[in-house]
Amino acid sequence: MVLPDVLAPGLRVVFCGTAAGEASARRGAYYAGPGNQFWATLQEIGLTPRLLSPTQFASLPDFGAGLTDVSKTEFGADNALTSNAFDVAGLIARLEAVRPAIVAFNGKKAAEIVLGHKVEYGVQSERLAGAQVHVLPSTSGAARGFWDVGHWRALGDAVRALGTPT
């Protein structure tokens, strides 16, 4: 396992990426690349009250959030991962075990792998492990050309509408 899951029952949102990037794998922390905007975006949209560092990833459940990836065995850029890196059934089983209110994919690639079809950004019509599904522009610096914080703000609104974390 490249990075451990950060999952627990009662989470308001679980963020799901494709796989840990190289910098994250090296540092042993989610979204640790120098150009990744994940942690700053969580603060900007109001899901954390302060800017967390990547090494504080295990504290996310305190804010009602969790983390996982579709691939738990490989790391690197999406286009460098092998097709057998993805464990969709394992991901769904992990999500069903904790039943988050929302699953938020950080990037289209992860969502398309799991859902099995092309997606657009935003709330999806289907559910996953009983959860509402959001597809968000990737916070990776490599995906900066697709960045739009608007979908992230909509997610923040949806999460806040659920109330405070338990």
N, C-alpha and C. Protein backbone atom coordinates (compact mmCIF):
# COMPACT_ATOMS: atom_id res chain seq x y z
N MET A 1 0.86 -1.18 0.00
CA MET A 1 0.00 0.00 0.00
C MET A 1 0.90 1.24 0.00
N VAL A 2 0.68 2.12 -0.98
CA VAL A 2 1.51 3.32 -1.09
C VAL A 2 1.18 4.28 0.04
N LEU A 3 -0.08 4.63 0.20
CA LEU A 3 -0.54 5.49 1.30
C LEU A 3 -1.72 4.81 1.99
N PRO A 4 -1.81 4.92 3.29
CA PRO A 4 -2.94 4.31 3.99
C PRO A 4 -4.24 5.08 3.73
N ASP A 5 -5.34 4.36 3.72
CA ASP A 5 -6.63 5.03 3.65
C ASP A 5 -6.85 5.83 4.92
N VAL A 6 -7.60 6.91 4.79
CA VAL A 6 -8.06 7.68 5.94
C VAL A 6 -9.58 7.61 5.86
N LEU A 7 -10.13 6.56 6.45
CA LEU A 7 -11.56 6.28 6.36
C LEU A 7 -12.10 5.93 7.73
N ALA A 8 -13.34 6.34 7.97
CA ALA A 8 -14.03 6.03 9.23
C ALA A 8 -15.53 6.18 8.98
N PRO A 9 -16.34 5.47 9.73
CA PRO A 9 -17.79 5.65 9.59
C PRO A 9 -18.20 7.09 9.93
N GLY A 10 -19.23 7.57 9.26
CA GLY A 10 -19.79 8.88 9.57
C GLY A 10 -19.13 10.06 8.91
N LEU A 11 -18.21 9.84 7.98
CA LEU A 11 -17.57 10.96 7.30
C LEU A 11 -18.56 11.66 6.38
N ARG A 12 -18.44 12.97 6.30
CA ARG A 12 -19.29 13.73 5.39
C ARG A 12 -18.81 13.59 3.95
N VAL A 13 -17.50 13.52 3.75
CA VAL A 13 -16.94 13.42 2.40
C VAL A 13 -15.66 12.59 2.41
N VAL A 14 -15.50 11.77 1.39
CA VAL A 14 -14.25 11.05 1.17
C VAL A 14 -13.72 11.50 -0.19
N PHE A 15 -12.49 12.00 -0.20
CA PHE A 15 -11.83 12.39 -1.43
C PHE A 15 -11.11 11.18 -2.00
N CYS A 16 -11.30 10.95 -3.29
CA CYS A 16 -10.70 9.80 -3.95
C CYS A 16 -9.91 10.26 -5.17
N GLY A 17 -8.61 9.97 -5.15
CA GLY A 17 -7.76 10.25 -6.29
C GLY A 17 -7.50 8.99 -7.09
N THR A 18 -6.77 9.13 -8.17
CA THR A 18 -6.42 7.97 -8.98
C THR A 18 -5.36 7.14 -8.25
N ALA A 19 -4.25 7.79 -7.88
CA ALA A 19 -3.14 7.15 -7.17
C ALA A 19 -2.28 8.25 -6.57
N ALA A 20 -1.48 7.92 -5.60
CA ALA A 20 -0.55 8.89 -5.03
C ALA A 20 0.44 9.32 -6.11
N GLY A 21 0.76 10.60 -6.14
CA GLY A 21 1.80 11.09 -7.03
C GLY A 21 3.18 10.72 -6.50
N GLU A 22 4.20 10.96 -7.30
CA GLU A 22 5.55 10.60 -6.89
C GLU A 22 5.98 11.32 -5.62
N ALA A 23 5.71 12.63 -5.53
CA ALA A 23 6.11 13.38 -4.33
C ALA A 23 5.36 12.87 -3.11
N SER A 24 4.09 12.55 -3.27
CA SER A 24 3.31 12.03 -2.15
C SER A 24 3.84 10.68 -1.68
N ALA A 25 4.17 9.82 -2.63
CA ALA A 25 4.71 8.51 -2.27
C ALA A 25 6.04 8.66 -1.54
N ARG A 26 6.90 9.56 -2.03
CA ARG A 26 8.20 9.79 -1.39
C ARG A 26 8.04 10.32 0.03
N ARG A 27 7.09 11.25 0.21
CA ARG A 27 6.90 11.89 1.52
C ARG A 27 5.97 11.09 2.44
N GLY A 28 5.27 10.11 1.88
CA GLY A 28 4.34 9.34 2.69
C GLY A 28 3.15 10.16 3.16
N ALA A 29 2.69 11.08 2.29
CA ALA A 29 1.60 11.99 2.65
C ALA A 29 0.78 12.33 1.40
N TYR A 30 -0.52 12.42 1.56
CA TYR A 30 -1.41 12.74 0.44
C TYR A 30 -1.19 14.17 -0.06
N TYR A 31 -1.28 14.33 -1.39
CA TYR A 31 -1.25 15.63 -2.06
C TYR A 31 -0.06 16.47 -1.61
N ALA A 32 1.13 15.86 -1.64
CA ALA A 32 2.34 16.50 -1.13
C ALA A 32 3.20 17.14 -2.22
N GLY A 33 2.78 17.06 -3.47
CA GLY A 33 3.55 17.69 -4.55
C GLY A 33 3.58 19.20 -4.38
N PRO A 34 4.67 19.85 -4.78
CA PRO A 34 4.80 21.29 -4.54
C PRO A 34 3.75 22.14 -5.25
N GLY A 35 3.23 21.68 -6.38
CA GLY A 35 2.22 22.46 -7.09
C GLY A 35 0.79 22.06 -6.80
N ASN A 36 0.59 21.08 -5.90
CA ASN A 36 -0.76 20.60 -5.64
C ASN A 36 -1.51 21.57 -4.73
N GLN A 37 -2.73 21.91 -5.12
CA GLN A 37 -3.53 22.89 -4.39
C GLN A 37 -4.58 22.28 -3.47
N PHE A 38 -4.51 20.97 -3.22
CA PHE A 38 -5.54 20.29 -2.44
C PHE A 38 -5.73 20.93 -1.06
N TRP A 39 -4.67 21.07 -0.30
CA TRP A 39 -4.80 21.53 1.08
C TRP A 39 -5.25 22.99 1.14
N ALA A 40 -4.72 23.82 0.25
CA ALA A 40 -5.14 25.22 0.20
C ALA A 40 -6.61 25.33 -0.23
N THR A 41 -7.03 24.45 -1.14
CA THR A 41 -8.42 24.48 -1.61
C THR A 41 -9.37 24.06 -0.49
N LEU A 42 -9.00 23.05 0.30
CA LEU A 42 -9.86 22.65 1.43
C LEU A 42 -10.10 23.82 2.37
N GLN A 43 -9.05 24.59 2.64
CA GLN A 43 -9.22 25.77 3.50
C GLN A 43 -10.06 26.83 2.79
N GLU A 44 -9.76 27.09 1.52
CA GLU A 44 -10.47 28.12 0.77
C GLU A 44 -11.97 27.87 0.72
N ILE A 45 -12.38 26.61 0.58
CA ILE A 45 -13.82 26.32 0.46
C ILE A 45 -14.47 26.06 1.82
N GLY A 46 -13.69 26.20 2.89
CA GLY A 46 -14.25 26.12 4.23
C GLY A 46 -14.37 24.74 4.83
N LEU A 47 -13.68 23.74 4.26
CA LEU A 47 -13.77 22.40 4.86
C LEU A 47 -12.77 22.19 5.99
N THR A 48 -11.73 23.02 6.02
CA THR A 48 -10.81 23.03 7.17
C THR A 48 -10.67 24.48 7.61
N PRO A 49 -10.56 24.72 8.92
CA PRO A 49 -10.49 26.10 9.40
C PRO A 49 -9.13 26.76 9.22
N ARG A 50 -8.13 25.96 8.90
CA ARG A 50 -6.77 26.48 8.69
C ARG A 50 -6.11 25.63 7.61
N LEU A 51 -5.00 26.12 7.11
CA LEU A 51 -4.25 25.39 6.10
C LEU A 51 -3.53 24.22 6.75
N LEU A 52 -3.88 23.02 6.34
CA LEU A 52 -3.19 21.82 6.83
C LEU A 52 -2.02 21.52 5.90
N SER A 53 -0.99 20.90 6.45
CA SER A 53 0.12 20.45 5.62
C SER A 53 -0.17 19.01 5.19
N PRO A 54 0.46 18.56 4.11
CA PRO A 54 0.25 17.18 3.69
C PRO A 54 0.53 16.16 4.80
N THR A 55 1.48 16.44 5.66
CA THR A 55 1.82 15.49 6.73
C THR A 55 0.72 15.40 7.79
N GLN A 56 -0.25 16.30 7.76
CA GLN A 56 -1.37 16.27 8.70
C GLN A 56 -2.59 15.53 8.14
N PHE A 57 -2.39 14.76 7.06
CA PHE A 57 -3.52 14.12 6.38
C PHE A 57 -4.35 13.23 7.29
N ALA A 58 -3.73 12.61 8.28
CA ALA A 58 -4.48 11.70 9.17
C ALA A 58 -5.47 12.44 10.06
N SER A 59 -5.37 13.77 10.13
CA SER A 59 -6.30 14.55 10.97
C SER A 59 -7.59 14.90 10.22
N LEU A 60 -7.71 14.57 8.95
CA LEU A 60 -8.90 14.96 8.19
C LEU A 60 -10.22 14.46 8.79
N PRO A 61 -10.30 13.26 9.37
CA PRO A 61 -11.57 12.86 9.96
C PRO A 61 -12.07 13.84 11.05
N ASP A 62 -11.18 14.58 11.68
CA ASP A 62 -11.60 15.60 12.65
C ASP A 62 -12.48 16.66 11.99
N PHE A 63 -12.36 16.79 10.67
CA PHE A 63 -13.13 17.77 9.91
C PHE A 63 -14.21 17.10 9.06
N GLY A 64 -14.47 15.81 9.33
CA GLY A 64 -15.52 15.08 8.63
C GLY A 64 -15.12 14.58 7.26
N ALA A 65 -13.82 14.51 6.98
CA ALA A 65 -13.36 14.12 5.65
C ALA A 65 -12.40 12.93 5.72
N GLY A 66 -12.31 12.21 4.60
CA GLY A 66 -11.41 11.08 4.49
C GLY A 66 -10.70 11.08 3.15
N LEU A 67 -9.77 10.15 2.99
CA LEU A 67 -8.95 10.07 1.79
C LEU A 67 -8.74 8.63 1.35
N THR A 68 -8.73 8.41 0.06
CA THR A 68 -8.37 7.12 -0.51
C THR A 68 -7.98 7.34 -1.97
N ASP A 69 -7.55 6.27 -2.62
CA ASP A 69 -7.20 6.29 -4.04
C ASP A 69 -7.73 5.02 -4.69
N VAL A 70 -7.92 5.08 -6.01
CA VAL A 70 -8.36 3.89 -6.74
C VAL A 70 -7.23 2.86 -6.80
N SER A 71 -5.99 3.34 -6.93
CA SER A 71 -4.84 2.45 -6.91
C SER A 71 -4.12 2.61 -5.58
N LYS A 72 -4.01 1.53 -4.85
CA LYS A 72 -3.28 1.54 -3.58
C LYS A 72 -1.91 0.89 -3.71
N THR A 73 -1.57 0.40 -4.93
CA THR A 73 -0.33 -0.35 -5.11
C THR A 73 0.68 0.34 -6.02
N GLU A 74 0.26 1.31 -6.81
CA GLU A 74 1.17 2.03 -7.71
C GLU A 74 1.06 3.52 -7.42
N PHE A 75 2.08 4.26 -7.85
CA PHE A 75 2.06 5.71 -7.69
C PHE A 75 2.65 6.36 -8.93
N GLY A 76 2.40 7.64 -9.08
CA GLY A 76 2.92 8.39 -10.22
C GLY A 76 1.81 9.08 -10.98
N ALA A 77 2.18 9.66 -12.10
CA ALA A 77 1.21 10.35 -12.95
C ALA A 77 0.19 9.35 -13.48
N ASP A 78 -1.03 9.81 -13.71
CA ASP A 78 -2.11 8.94 -14.18
C ASP A 78 -1.69 8.14 -15.42
N ASN A 79 -0.99 8.80 -16.36
CA ASN A 79 -0.64 8.13 -17.61
C ASN A 79 0.51 7.13 -17.44
N ALA A 80 1.11 7.06 -16.24
CA ALA A 80 2.19 6.11 -15.99
C ALA A 80 1.70 4.85 -15.26
N LEU A 81 0.45 4.84 -14.84
CA LEU A 81 -0.08 3.70 -14.09
C LEU A 81 -0.49 2.58 -15.03
N THR A 82 -0.30 1.34 -14.59
CA THR A 82 -0.72 0.21 -15.41
C THR A 82 -2.22 -0.04 -15.21
N SER A 83 -2.84 -0.68 -16.17
CA SER A 83 -4.29 -0.91 -16.09
C SER A 83 -4.66 -1.81 -14.93
N ASN A 84 -3.77 -2.70 -14.51
CA ASN A 84 -4.11 -3.57 -13.38
C ASN A 84 -3.80 -2.93 -12.03
N ALA A 85 -3.45 -1.65 -12.04
CA ALA A 85 -3.20 -0.93 -10.78
C ALA A 85 -4.51 -0.60 -10.07
N PHE A 86 -5.60 -0.56 -10.83
CA PHE A 86 -6.86 -0.06 -10.30
C PHE A 86 -7.70 -1.17 -9.68
N ASP A 87 -8.10 -0.96 -8.44
CA ASP A 87 -8.91 -1.94 -7.72
C ASP A 87 -10.27 -1.31 -7.40
N VAL A 88 -11.13 -1.28 -8.41
CA VAL A 88 -12.44 -0.66 -8.25
C VAL A 88 -13.28 -1.41 -7.22
N ALA A 89 -13.29 -2.72 -7.28
CA ALA A 89 -14.08 -3.50 -6.32
C ALA A 89 -13.59 -3.26 -4.90
N GLY A 90 -12.28 -3.19 -4.71
CA GLY A 90 -11.73 -2.91 -3.38
C GLY A 90 -12.12 -1.53 -2.89
N LEU A 91 -12.08 -0.55 -3.78
CA LEU A 91 -12.49 0.81 -3.40
C LEU A 91 -13.95 0.82 -2.97
N ILE A 92 -14.81 0.21 -3.76
CA ILE A 92 -16.24 0.20 -3.44
C ILE A 92 -16.47 -0.51 -2.10
N ALA A 93 -15.77 -1.59 -1.87
CA ALA A 93 -15.92 -2.30 -0.59
C ALA A 93 -15.48 -1.42 0.58
N ARG A 94 -14.37 -0.67 0.40
CA ARG A 94 -13.91 0.22 1.48
C ARG A 94 -14.93 1.33 1.73
N LEU A 95 -15.52 1.86 0.66
CA LEU A 95 -16.52 2.91 0.83
C LEU A 95 -17.80 2.37 1.46
N GLU A 96 -18.22 1.18 1.03
CA GLU A 96 -19.43 0.58 1.62
C GLU A 96 -19.24 0.31 3.11
N ALA A 97 -18.02 0.02 3.52
CA ALA A 97 -17.75 -0.26 4.94
C ALA A 97 -17.90 0.98 5.81
N VAL A 98 -17.67 2.18 5.24
CA VAL A 98 -17.74 3.40 6.06
C VAL A 98 -18.92 4.31 5.69
N ARG A 99 -19.52 4.10 4.52
CA ARG A 99 -20.74 4.81 4.09
C ARG A 99 -20.66 6.34 4.23
N PRO A 100 -19.72 7.00 3.53
CA PRO A 100 -19.68 8.46 3.60
C PRO A 100 -20.92 9.05 2.93
N ALA A 101 -21.23 10.30 3.26
CA ALA A 101 -22.36 10.97 2.62
C ALA A 101 -22.04 11.35 1.18
N ILE A 102 -20.77 11.74 0.93
CA ILE A 102 -20.34 12.18 -0.39
C ILE A 102 -19.00 11.53 -0.73
N VAL A 103 -18.86 11.10 -1.97
CA VAL A 103 -17.57 10.69 -2.51
C VAL A 103 -17.20 11.76 -3.54
N ALA A 104 -16.04 12.37 -3.35
CA ALA A 104 -15.58 13.43 -4.24
C ALA A 104 -14.31 12.98 -4.95
N PHE A 105 -14.39 12.84 -6.26
CA PHE A 105 -13.23 12.43 -7.04
C PHE A 105 -12.39 13.64 -7.38
N ASN A 106 -11.12 13.58 -7.04
CA ASN A 106 -10.18 14.65 -7.35
C ASN A 106 -9.62 14.37 -8.74
N GLY A 107 -10.37 14.78 -9.74
CA GLY A 107 -10.00 14.56 -11.14
C GLY A 107 -10.94 13.59 -11.83
N LYS A 108 -11.08 13.79 -13.14
CA LYS A 108 -12.00 12.95 -13.92
C LYS A 108 -11.51 11.52 -14.07
N LYS A 109 -10.21 11.31 -14.18
CA LYS A 109 -9.67 9.97 -14.45
C LYS A 109 -10.15 8.97 -13.40
N ALA A 110 -10.01 9.32 -12.12
CA ALA A 110 -10.43 8.40 -11.05
C ALA A 110 -11.93 8.10 -11.16
N ALA A 111 -12.72 9.12 -11.40
CA ALA A 111 -14.17 8.93 -11.51
C ALA A 111 -14.52 8.03 -12.69
N GLU A 112 -13.87 8.25 -13.83
CA GLU A 112 -14.18 7.46 -15.02
C GLU A 112 -13.78 6.00 -14.84
N ILE A 113 -12.67 5.76 -14.14
CA ILE A 113 -12.26 4.38 -13.86
C ILE A 113 -13.31 3.69 -12.99
N VAL A 114 -13.75 4.37 -11.94
CA VAL A 114 -14.68 3.76 -10.99
C VAL A 114 -16.09 3.65 -11.56
N LEU A 115 -16.55 4.70 -12.21
CA LEU A 115 -17.93 4.71 -12.71
C LEU A 115 -18.06 3.99 -14.05
N GLY A 116 -16.96 3.81 -14.75
CA GLY A 116 -16.98 3.04 -15.99
C GLY A 116 -17.46 3.78 -17.21
N HIS A 117 -17.46 5.11 -17.17
CA HIS A 117 -17.87 5.90 -18.33
C HIS A 117 -17.31 7.31 -18.21
N LYS A 118 -17.37 8.05 -19.31
CA LYS A 118 -16.93 9.45 -19.31
C LYS A 118 -17.82 10.26 -18.37
N VAL A 119 -17.23 11.26 -17.73
CA VAL A 119 -17.98 12.11 -16.80
C VAL A 119 -17.67 13.57 -17.09
N GLU A 120 -18.53 14.42 -16.60
CA GLU A 120 -18.30 15.87 -16.59
C GLU A 120 -18.09 16.27 -15.14
N TYR A 121 -17.52 17.44 -14.93
CA TYR A 121 -17.35 17.93 -13.57
C TYR A 121 -18.70 18.23 -12.95
N GLY A 122 -18.78 18.08 -11.62
CA GLY A 122 -19.98 18.41 -10.88
C GLY A 122 -20.62 17.18 -10.25
N VAL A 123 -21.84 17.37 -9.75
CA VAL A 123 -22.59 16.29 -9.11
C VAL A 123 -23.05 15.31 -10.18
N GLN A 124 -22.91 14.03 -9.90
CA GLN A 124 -23.31 12.98 -10.84
C GLN A 124 -24.70 12.47 -10.49
N SER A 125 -25.38 11.90 -11.48
CA SER A 125 -26.73 11.39 -11.23
C SER A 125 -26.70 10.07 -10.48
N GLU A 126 -25.59 9.35 -10.56
CA GLU A 126 -25.51 8.05 -9.88
C GLU A 126 -24.90 8.19 -8.49
N ARG A 127 -25.09 7.17 -7.68
CA ARG A 127 -24.52 7.13 -6.34
C ARG A 127 -23.48 6.02 -6.29
N LEU A 128 -22.61 6.10 -5.31
CA LEU A 128 -21.56 5.11 -5.13
C LEU A 128 -21.53 4.75 -3.65
N ALA A 129 -21.76 3.47 -3.36
CA ALA A 129 -21.82 3.00 -1.97
C ALA A 129 -22.82 3.84 -1.17
N GLY A 130 -23.91 4.23 -1.84
CA GLY A 130 -24.95 5.02 -1.19
C GLY A 130 -24.65 6.50 -1.11
N ALA A 131 -23.47 6.93 -1.55
CA ALA A 131 -23.04 8.32 -1.42
C ALA A 131 -23.32 9.13 -2.69
N GLN A 132 -23.60 10.40 -2.48
CA GLN A 132 -23.66 11.34 -3.60
C GLN A 132 -22.24 11.42 -4.18
N VAL A 133 -22.14 11.59 -5.50
CA VAL A 133 -20.83 11.61 -6.18
C VAL A 133 -20.60 12.98 -6.80
N HIS A 134 -19.43 13.55 -6.49
CA HIS A 134 -18.98 14.80 -7.11
C HIS A 134 -17.69 14.50 -7.86
N VAL A 135 -17.56 15.07 -9.06
CA VAL A 135 -16.32 14.99 -9.82
C VAL A 135 -15.75 16.40 -9.88
N LEU A 136 -14.51 16.52 -9.42
CA LEU A 136 -13.87 17.83 -9.27
C LEU A 136 -12.64 17.95 -10.16
N PRO A 137 -12.33 19.17 -10.60
CA PRO A 137 -11.06 19.34 -11.32
C PRO A 137 -9.90 18.96 -10.40
N SER A 138 -8.92 18.30 -10.97
CA SER A 138 -7.76 17.85 -10.19
C SER A 138 -7.01 19.03 -9.60
N THR A 139 -6.55 18.86 -8.37
CA THR A 139 -5.75 19.89 -7.71
C THR A 139 -4.27 19.78 -8.07
N SER A 140 -3.90 18.77 -8.86
CA SER A 140 -2.52 18.58 -9.26
C SER A 140 -2.02 19.76 -10.09
N GLY A 141 -0.78 20.15 -9.86
CA GLY A 141 -0.18 21.20 -10.67
C GLY A 141 -0.12 20.83 -12.14
N ALA A 142 -0.02 19.54 -12.45
CA ALA A 142 0.02 19.07 -13.83
C ALA A 142 -1.31 19.28 -14.55
N ALA A 143 -2.39 19.47 -13.80
CA ALA A 143 -3.72 19.65 -14.39
C ALA A 143 -4.20 21.10 -14.29
N ARG A 144 -3.28 22.03 -14.08
CA ARG A 144 -3.64 23.44 -13.85
C ARG A 144 -4.51 23.99 -14.97
N GLY A 145 -4.36 23.53 -16.19
CA GLY A 145 -5.15 24.04 -17.31
C GLY A 145 -6.63 23.74 -17.19
N PHE A 146 -7.00 22.79 -16.34
CA PHE A 146 -8.41 22.42 -16.17
C PHE A 146 -8.97 22.97 -14.86
N TRP A 147 -8.17 23.74 -14.13
CA TRP A 147 -8.56 24.18 -12.79
C TRP A 147 -9.76 25.12 -12.82
N ASP A 148 -10.70 24.85 -11.92
CA ASP A 148 -11.87 25.70 -11.71
C ASP A 148 -12.33 25.45 -10.29
N VAL A 149 -12.13 26.41 -9.41
CA VAL A 149 -12.47 26.22 -8.01
C VAL A 149 -13.99 26.20 -7.79
N GLY A 150 -14.75 26.59 -8.78
CA GLY A 150 -16.21 26.64 -8.64
C GLY A 150 -16.83 25.30 -8.26
N HIS A 151 -16.37 24.23 -8.87
CA HIS A 151 -16.89 22.90 -8.53
C HIS A 151 -16.50 22.52 -7.10
N TRP A 152 -15.33 22.93 -6.67
CA TRP A 152 -14.90 22.69 -5.30
C TRP A 152 -15.76 23.49 -4.32
N ARG A 153 -16.09 24.72 -4.68
CA ARG A 153 -16.96 25.54 -3.80
C ARG A 153 -18.34 24.90 -3.68
N ALA A 154 -18.86 24.38 -4.78
CA ALA A 154 -20.16 23.69 -4.73
C ALA A 154 -20.09 22.47 -3.81
N LEU A 155 -18.97 21.76 -3.85
CA LEU A 155 -18.79 20.63 -2.93
C LEU A 155 -18.77 21.13 -1.49
N GLY A 156 -18.05 22.20 -1.23
CA GLY A 156 -18.01 22.77 0.12
C GLY A 156 -19.40 23.10 0.63
N ASP A 157 -20.23 23.69 -0.24
CA ASP A 157 -21.61 24.00 0.14
C ASP A 157 -22.39 22.72 0.47
N ALA A 158 -22.22 21.69 -0.36
CA ALA A 158 -22.93 20.42 -0.14
C ALA A 158 -22.49 19.77 1.17
N VAL A 159 -21.21 19.82 1.46
CA VAL A 159 -20.70 19.23 2.70
C VAL A 159 -21.23 19.99 3.92
N ARG A 160 -21.17 21.32 3.86
CA ARG A 160 -21.68 22.13 4.98
C ARG A 160 -23.17 21.92 5.20
N ALA A 161 -23.91 21.67 4.14
CA ALA A 161 -25.36 21.45 4.25
C ALA A 161 -25.67 20.18 5.06
N LEU A 162 -24.67 19.30 5.16
CA LEU A 162 -24.85 18.06 5.93
C LEU A 162 -24.75 18.29 7.43
N GLY A 163 -24.25 19.44 7.84
CA GLY A 163 -24.08 19.72 9.26
C GLY A 163 -22.66 19.44 9.71
N THR A 164 -22.43 19.56 10.98
CA THR A 164 -21.09 19.37 11.53
C THR A 164 -20.71 17.90 11.57
N PRO A 165 -19.41 17.63 11.46
CA PRO A 165 -18.98 16.23 11.50
C PRO A 165 -19.30 15.59 12.84
N THR A 166 -19.51 14.26 12.79
CA THR A 166 -19.81 13.54 14.03
C THR A 166 -18.56 12.93 14.60
